[in-house]
């Protein structure tokens, strides 16, 4: 997911997206712990997407 796409979303949409990514991250961590995760690079992608959303949320909070 690109930062430019995320910047076009509203605060509510970003919060929903963040919640979904956190759930996906938890699921991936559980799969990793039980050795069921096939593609471990998914963990890094989800982590980076979470960081992008949190960065945009902090930028918006600083502008207010």
PDB file of N, CA and C in Angstrom:
ATOM      1  N   UNK A   1       0.834  -1.162   0.000  1.00  0.00           N
ATOM      2  CA  UNK A   1       0.000   0.000   0.000  1.00  0.00           C
ATOM      3  C   UNK A   1       0.889   1.239   0.000  1.00  0.00           C
ATOM      4  N   UNK A   2       0.578   2.170  -0.866  1.00  0.00           N
ATOM      5  CA  UNK A   2       1.398   3.371  -0.988  1.00  0.00           C
ATOM      6  C   UNK A   2       0.906   4.457  -0.047  1.00  0.00           C
ATOM      7  N   UNK A   3       1.821   5.297   0.371  1.00  0.00           N
ATOM      8  CA  UNK A   3       1.483   6.393   1.277  1.00  0.00           C
ATOM      9  C   UNK A   3       0.526   7.372   0.604  1.00  0.00           C
ATOM     10  N   UNK A   4       0.675   7.576  -0.687  1.00  0.00           N
ATOM     11  CA  UNK A   4      -0.221   8.503  -1.398  1.00  0.00           C
ATOM     12  C   UNK A   4      -1.661   8.001  -1.373  1.00  0.00           C
ATOM     13  N   UNK A   5      -1.850   6.696  -1.445  1.00  0.00           N
ATOM     14  CA  UNK A   5      -3.195   6.123  -1.362  1.00  0.00           C
ATOM     15  C   UNK A   5      -3.767   6.323   0.037  1.00  0.00           C
ATOM     16  N   UNK A   6      -2.914   6.166   1.039  1.00  0.00           N
ATOM     17  CA  UNK A   6      -3.373   6.308   2.412  1.00  0.00           C
ATOM     18  C   UNK A   6      -3.722   7.752   2.752  1.00  0.00           C
ATOM     19  N   UNK A   7      -2.992   8.697   2.182  1.00  0.00           N
ATOM     20  CA  UNK A   7      -3.249  10.104   2.473  1.00  0.00           C
ATOM     21  C   UNK A   7      -4.617  10.549   1.955  1.00  0.00           C
ATOM     22  N   UNK A   8      -5.151   9.859   0.965  1.00  0.00           N
ATOM     23  CA  UNK A   8      -6.451  10.218   0.403  1.00  0.00           C
ATOM     24  C   UNK A   8      -7.607   9.718   1.263  1.00  0.00           C
ATOM     25  N   UNK A   9      -7.334   8.824   2.198  1.00  0.00           N
ATOM     26  CA  UNK A   9      -8.381   8.268   3.039  1.00  0.00           C
ATOM     27  C   UNK A   9      -8.656   9.183   4.228  1.00  0.00           C
ATOM     28  N   UNK A  10      -9.870   9.062   4.759  1.00  0.00           N
ATOM     29  CA  UNK A  10     -10.239   9.860   5.935  1.00  0.00           C
ATOM     30  C   UNK A  10      -9.655   9.230   7.199  1.00  0.00           C
ATOM     31  N   UNK A  11      -9.791   9.955   8.303  1.00  0.00           N
ATOM     32  CA  UNK A  11      -9.267   9.455   9.577  1.00  0.00           C
ATOM     33  C   UNK A  11      -9.968   8.165   9.995  1.00  0.00           C
ATOM     34  N   UNK A  12     -11.264   8.090   9.758  1.00  0.00           N
ATOM     35  CA  UNK A  12     -12.030   6.899  10.132  1.00  0.00           C
ATOM     36  C   UNK A  12     -11.590   5.698   9.294  1.00  0.00           C
ATOM     37  N   UNK A  13     -11.393   5.919   8.003  1.00  0.00           N
ATOM     38  CA  UNK A  13     -10.945   4.841   7.128  1.00  0.00           C
ATOM     39  C   UNK A  13      -9.548   4.356   7.520  1.00  0.00           C
ATOM     40  N   UNK A  14      -8.690   5.289   7.901  1.00  0.00           N
ATOM     41  CA  UNK A  14      -7.342   4.904   8.338  1.00  0.00           C
ATOM     42  C   UNK A  14      -7.397   4.070   9.610  1.00  0.00           C
ATOM     43  N   UNK A  15      -8.276   4.437  10.524  1.00  0.00           N
ATOM     44  CA  UNK A  15      -8.403   3.679  11.768  1.00  0.00           C
ATOM     45  C   UNK A  15      -8.885   2.260  11.495  1.00  0.00           C
ATOM     46  N   UNK A  16      -9.846   2.133  10.589  1.00  0.00           N
ATOM     47  CA  UNK A  16     -10.355   0.803  10.229  1.00  0.00           C
ATOM     48  C   UNK A  16      -9.272  -0.024   9.554  1.00  0.00           C
ATOM     49  N   UNK A  17      -8.513   0.616   8.682  1.00  0.00           N
ATOM     50  CA  UNK A  17      -7.417  -0.065   7.991  1.00  0.00           C
ATOM     51  C   UNK A  17      -6.357  -0.531   8.984  1.00  0.00           C
ATOM     52  N   UNK A  18      -6.045   0.333   9.953  1.00  0.00           N
ATOM     53  CA  UNK A  18      -5.059  -0.001  10.972  1.00  0.00           C
ATOM     54  C   UNK A  18      -5.525  -1.191  11.809  1.00  0.00           C
ATOM     55  N   UNK A  19      -6.794  -1.193  12.174  1.00  0.00           N
ATOM     56  CA  UNK A  19      -7.328  -2.304  12.954  1.00  0.00           C
ATOM     57  C   UNK A  19      -7.239  -3.618  12.176  1.00  0.00           C
ATOM     58  N   UNK A  20      -7.574  -3.573  10.895  1.00  0.00           N
ATOM     59  CA  UNK A  20      -7.477  -4.774  10.065  1.00  0.00           C
ATOM     60  C   UNK A  20      -6.049  -5.272   9.934  1.00  0.00           C
ATOM     61  N   UNK A  21      -5.117  -4.339   9.786  1.00  0.00           N
ATOM     62  CA  UNK A  21      -3.711  -4.724   9.664  1.00  0.00           C
ATOM     63  C   UNK A  21      -3.179  -5.295  10.969  1.00  0.00           C
ATOM     64  N   UNK A  22      -3.625  -4.750  12.098  1.00  0.00           N
ATOM     65  CA  UNK A  22      -3.196  -5.289  13.393  1.00  0.00           C
ATOM     66  C   UNK A  22      -3.692  -6.716  13.580  1.00  0.00           C
ATOM     67  N   UNK A  23      -4.925  -6.974  13.144  1.00  0.00           N
ATOM     68  CA  UNK A  23      -5.466  -8.337  13.231  1.00  0.00           C
ATOM     69  C   UNK A  23      -4.682  -9.282  12.326  1.00  0.00           C
ATOM     70  N   UNK A  24      -4.352  -8.808  11.128  1.00  0.00           N
ATOM     71  CA  UNK A  24      -3.569  -9.621  10.200  1.00  0.00           C
ATOM     72  C   UNK A  24      -2.181  -9.890  10.762  1.00  0.00           C
ATOM     73  N   UNK A  25      -1.604  -8.883  11.403  1.00  0.00           N
ATOM     74  CA  UNK A  25      -0.279  -9.039  11.991  1.00  0.00           C
ATOM     75  C   UNK A  25      -0.307 -10.083  13.112  1.00  0.00           C
ATOM     76  N   UNK A  26      -1.340 -10.030  13.941  1.00  0.00           N
ATOM     77  CA  UNK A  26      -1.469 -11.014  15.014  1.00  0.00           C
ATOM     78  C   UNK A  26      -1.602 -12.417  14.437  1.00  0.00           C
ATOM     79  N   UNK A  27      -2.428 -12.546  13.402  1.00  0.00           N
ATOM     80  CA  UNK A  27      -2.628 -13.848  12.767  1.00  0.00           C
ATOM     81  C   UNK A  27      -1.314 -14.384  12.191  1.00  0.00           C
ATOM     82  N   UNK A  28      -0.561 -13.512  11.548  1.00  0.00           N
ATOM     83  CA  UNK A  28       0.715 -13.933  10.972  1.00  0.00           C
ATOM     84  C   UNK A  28       1.712 -14.343  12.055  1.00  0.00           C
ATOM     85  N   UNK A  29       1.709 -13.619  13.176  1.00  0.00           N
ATOM     86  CA  UNK A  29       2.605 -13.990  14.277  1.00  0.00           C
ATOM     87  C   UNK A  29       2.247 -15.349  14.845  1.00  0.00           C
ATOM     88  N   UNK A  30       0.954 -15.632  14.938  1.00  0.00           N
ATOM     89  CA  UNK A  30       0.530 -16.940  15.448  1.00  0.00           C
ATOM     90  C   UNK A  30       0.917 -18.050  14.467  1.00  0.00           C
ATOM     91  N   UNK A  31       0.776 -17.780  13.173  1.00  0.00           N
ATOM     92  CA  UNK A  31       1.181 -18.761  12.169  1.00  0.00           C
ATOM     93  C   UNK A  31       2.686 -19.005  12.234  1.00  0.00           C
ATOM     94  N   UNK A  32       3.443 -17.939  12.468  1.00  0.00           N
ATOM     95  CA  UNK A  32       4.899 -18.081  12.578  1.00  0.00           C
ATOM     96  C   UNK A  32       5.260 -18.930  13.796  1.00  0.00           C
ATOM     97  N   UNK A  33       4.571 -18.692  14.901  1.00  0.00           N
ATOM     98  CA  UNK A  33       4.872 -19.422  16.134  1.00  0.00           C
ATOM     99  C   UNK A  33       4.537 -20.904  16.007  1.00  0.00           C
ATOM    100  N   UNK A  34       3.493 -21.221  15.247  1.00  0.00           N
ATOM    101  CA  UNK A  34       3.099 -22.620  15.081  1.00  0.00           C
ATOM    102  C   UNK A  34       3.711 -23.238  13.824  1.00  0.00           C
ATOM    103  N   UNK A  35       4.610 -22.499  13.202  1.00  0.00           N
ATOM    104  CA  UNK A  35       5.329 -22.947  12.001  1.00  0.00           C
ATOM    105  C   UNK A  35       4.395 -23.290  10.847  1.00  0.00           C
ATOM    106  N   UNK A  36       3.339 -22.504  10.694  1.00  0.00           N
ATOM    107  CA  UNK A  36       2.417 -22.687   9.580  1.00  0.00           C
ATOM    108  C   UNK A  36       2.554 -21.589   8.532  1.00  0.00           C
ATOM    109  N   UNK A  37       3.428 -20.630   8.785  1.00  0.00           N
ATOM    110  CA  UNK A  37       3.589 -19.497   7.880  1.00  0.00           C
ATOM    111  C   UNK A  37       4.485 -19.893   6.716  1.00  0.00           C
ATOM    112  N   UNK A  38       3.951 -19.774   5.506  1.00  0.00           N
ATOM    113  CA  UNK A  38       4.707 -20.145   4.309  1.00  0.00           C
ATOM    114  C   UNK A  38       5.605 -19.012   3.827  1.00  0.00           C
ATOM    115  N   UNK A  39       5.071 -17.804   3.829  1.00  0.00           N
ATOM    116  CA  UNK A  39       5.804 -16.662   3.294  1.00  0.00           C
ATOM    117  C   UNK A  39       6.065 -15.668   4.426  1.00  0.00           C
ATOM    118  N   UNK A  40       7.243 -15.713   4.998  1.00  0.00           N
ATOM    119  CA  UNK A  40       7.551 -14.863   6.150  1.00  0.00           C
ATOM    120  C   UNK A  40       7.720 -13.399   5.771  1.00  0.00           C
ATOM    121  N   UNK A  41       7.825 -13.078   4.500  1.00  0.00           N
ATOM    122  CA  UNK A  41       7.961 -11.680   4.097  1.00  0.00           C
ATOM    123  C   UNK A  41       6.665 -10.909   4.291  1.00  0.00           C
ATOM    124  N   UNK A  42       5.557 -11.625   4.446  1.00  0.00           N
ATOM    125  CA  UNK A  42       4.274 -10.971   4.694  1.00  0.00           C
ATOM    126  C   UNK A  42       4.314 -10.191   6.007  1.00  0.00           C
ATOM    127  N   UNK A  43       5.018 -10.722   6.993  1.00  0.00           N
ATOM    128  CA  UNK A  43       5.124 -10.050   8.288  1.00  0.00           C
ATOM    129  C   UNK A  43       5.738  -8.662   8.135  1.00  0.00           C
ATOM    130  N   UNK A  44       6.798  -8.567   7.380  1.00  0.00           N
ATOM    131  CA  UNK A  44       7.459  -7.283   7.165  1.00  0.00           C
ATOM    132  C   UNK A  44       6.586  -6.300   6.413  1.00  0.00           C
ATOM    133  N   UNK A  45       5.854  -6.791   5.425  1.00  0.00           N
ATOM    134  CA  UNK A  45       4.970  -5.907   4.648  1.00  0.00           C
ATOM    135  C   UNK A  45       3.869  -5.330   5.525  1.00  0.00           C
ATOM    136  N   UNK A  46       3.286  -6.172   6.360  1.00  0.00           N
ATOM    137  CA  UNK A  46       2.218  -5.706   7.243  1.00  0.00           C
ATOM    138  C   UNK A  46       2.768  -4.702   8.252  1.00  0.00           C
ATOM    139  N   UNK A  47       3.947  -4.988   8.799  1.00  0.00           N
ATOM    140  CA  UNK A  47       4.562  -4.076   9.763  1.00  0.00           C
ATOM    141  C   UNK A  47       4.815  -2.702   9.146  1.00  0.00           C
ATOM    142  N   UNK A  48       5.294  -2.688   7.914  1.00  0.00           N
ATOM    143  CA  UNK A  48       5.570  -1.426   7.239  1.00  0.00           C
ATOM    144  C   UNK A  48       4.289  -0.661   6.929  1.00  0.00           C
ATOM    145  N   UNK A  49       3.224  -1.380   6.559  1.00  0.00           N
ATOM    146  CA  UNK A  49       1.935  -0.733   6.307  1.00  0.00           C
ATOM    147  C   UNK A  49       1.383  -0.109   7.591  1.00  0.00           C
ATOM    148  N   UNK A  50       1.533  -0.810   8.714  1.00  0.00           N
ATOM    149  CA  UNK A  50       1.098  -0.261  10.001  1.00  0.00           C
ATOM    150  C   UNK A  50       1.883   1.015  10.294  1.00  0.00           C
ATOM    151  N   UNK A  51       3.172   0.985  10.055  1.00  0.00           N
ATOM    152  CA  UNK A  51       4.014   2.159  10.306  1.00  0.00           C
ATOM    153  C   UNK A  51       3.611   3.325   9.414  1.00  0.00           C
ATOM    154  N   UNK A  52       3.273   3.044   8.167  1.00  0.00           N
ATOM    155  CA  UNK A  52       2.852   4.110   7.252  1.00  0.00           C
ATOM    156  C   UNK A  52       1.575   4.782   7.758  1.00  0.00           C
ATOM    157  N   UNK A  53       0.622   3.974   8.176  1.00  0.00           N
ATOM    158  CA  UNK A  53      -0.652   4.524   8.658  1.00  0.00           C
ATOM    159  C   UNK A  53      -0.430   5.339   9.922  1.00  0.00           C
ATOM    160  N   UNK A  54       0.365   4.824  10.837  1.00  0.00           N
ATOM    161  CA  UNK A  54       0.609   5.554  12.085  1.00  0.00           C
ATOM    162  C   UNK A  54       1.352   6.859  11.817  1.00  0.00           C
ATOM    163  N   UNK A  55       2.244   6.870  10.845  1.00  0.00           N
ATOM    164  CA  UNK A  55       2.965   8.087  10.482  1.00  0.00           C
ATOM    165  C   UNK A  55       2.002   9.140   9.949  1.00  0.00           C
ATOM    166  N   UNK A  56       1.099   8.734   9.083  1.00  0.00           N
ATOM    167  CA  UNK A  56       0.125   9.667   8.514  1.00  0.00           C
ATOM    168  C   UNK A  56      -0.804  10.188   9.599  1.00  0.00           C
ATOM    169  N   UNK A  57      -1.212   9.323  10.519  1.00  0.00           N
ATOM    170  CA  UNK A  57      -2.066   9.768  11.615  1.00  0.00           C
ATOM    171  C   UNK A  57      -1.348  10.786  12.497  1.00  0.00           C
ATOM    172  N   UNK A  58      -0.072  10.574  12.762  1.00  0.00           N
ATOM    173  CA  UNK A  58       0.707  11.530  13.570  1.00  0.00           C
ATOM    174  C   UNK A  58       0.884  12.849  12.834  1.00  0.00           C
ATOM    175  N   UNK A  59       1.094  12.802  11.520  1.00  0.00           N
ATOM    176  CA  UNK A  59       1.221  14.023  10.739  1.00  0.00           C
ATOM    177  C   UNK A  59      -0.061  14.839  10.806  1.00  0.00           C
ATOM    178  N   UNK A  60      -1.194  14.157  10.688  1.00  0.00           N
ATOM    179  CA  UNK A  60      -2.488  14.848  10.744  1.00  0.00           C
ATOM    180  C   UNK A  60      -2.749  15.414  12.134  1.00  0.00           C
ATOM    181  N   UNK A  61      -2.347  14.696  13.159  1.00  0.00           N
ATOM    182  CA  UNK A  61      -2.548  15.187  14.527  1.00  0.00           C
ATOM    183  C   UNK A  61      -1.680  16.422  14.793  1.00  0.00           C
ATOM    184  N   UNK A  62      -0.508  16.476  14.206  1.00  0.00           N
ATOM    185  CA  UNK A  62       0.393  17.603  14.408  1.00  0.00           C
ATOM    186  C   UNK A  62      -0.132  18.869  13.721  1.00  0.00           C
ATOM    187  N   UNK A  63      -0.872  18.678  12.639  1.00  0.00           N
ATOM    188  CA  UNK A  63      -1.419  19.836  11.903  1.00  0.00           C
ATOM    189  C   UNK A  63      -2.580  20.477  12.642  1.00  0.00           C
ATOM    190  N   UNK A  64      -3.250  19.721  13.488  1.00  0.00           N
ATOM    191  CA  UNK A  64      -4.439  20.247  14.185  1.00  0.00           C
ATOM    192  C   UNK A  64      -4.078  21.153  15.329  1.00  0.00           C
TER     193      UNK A  64
END
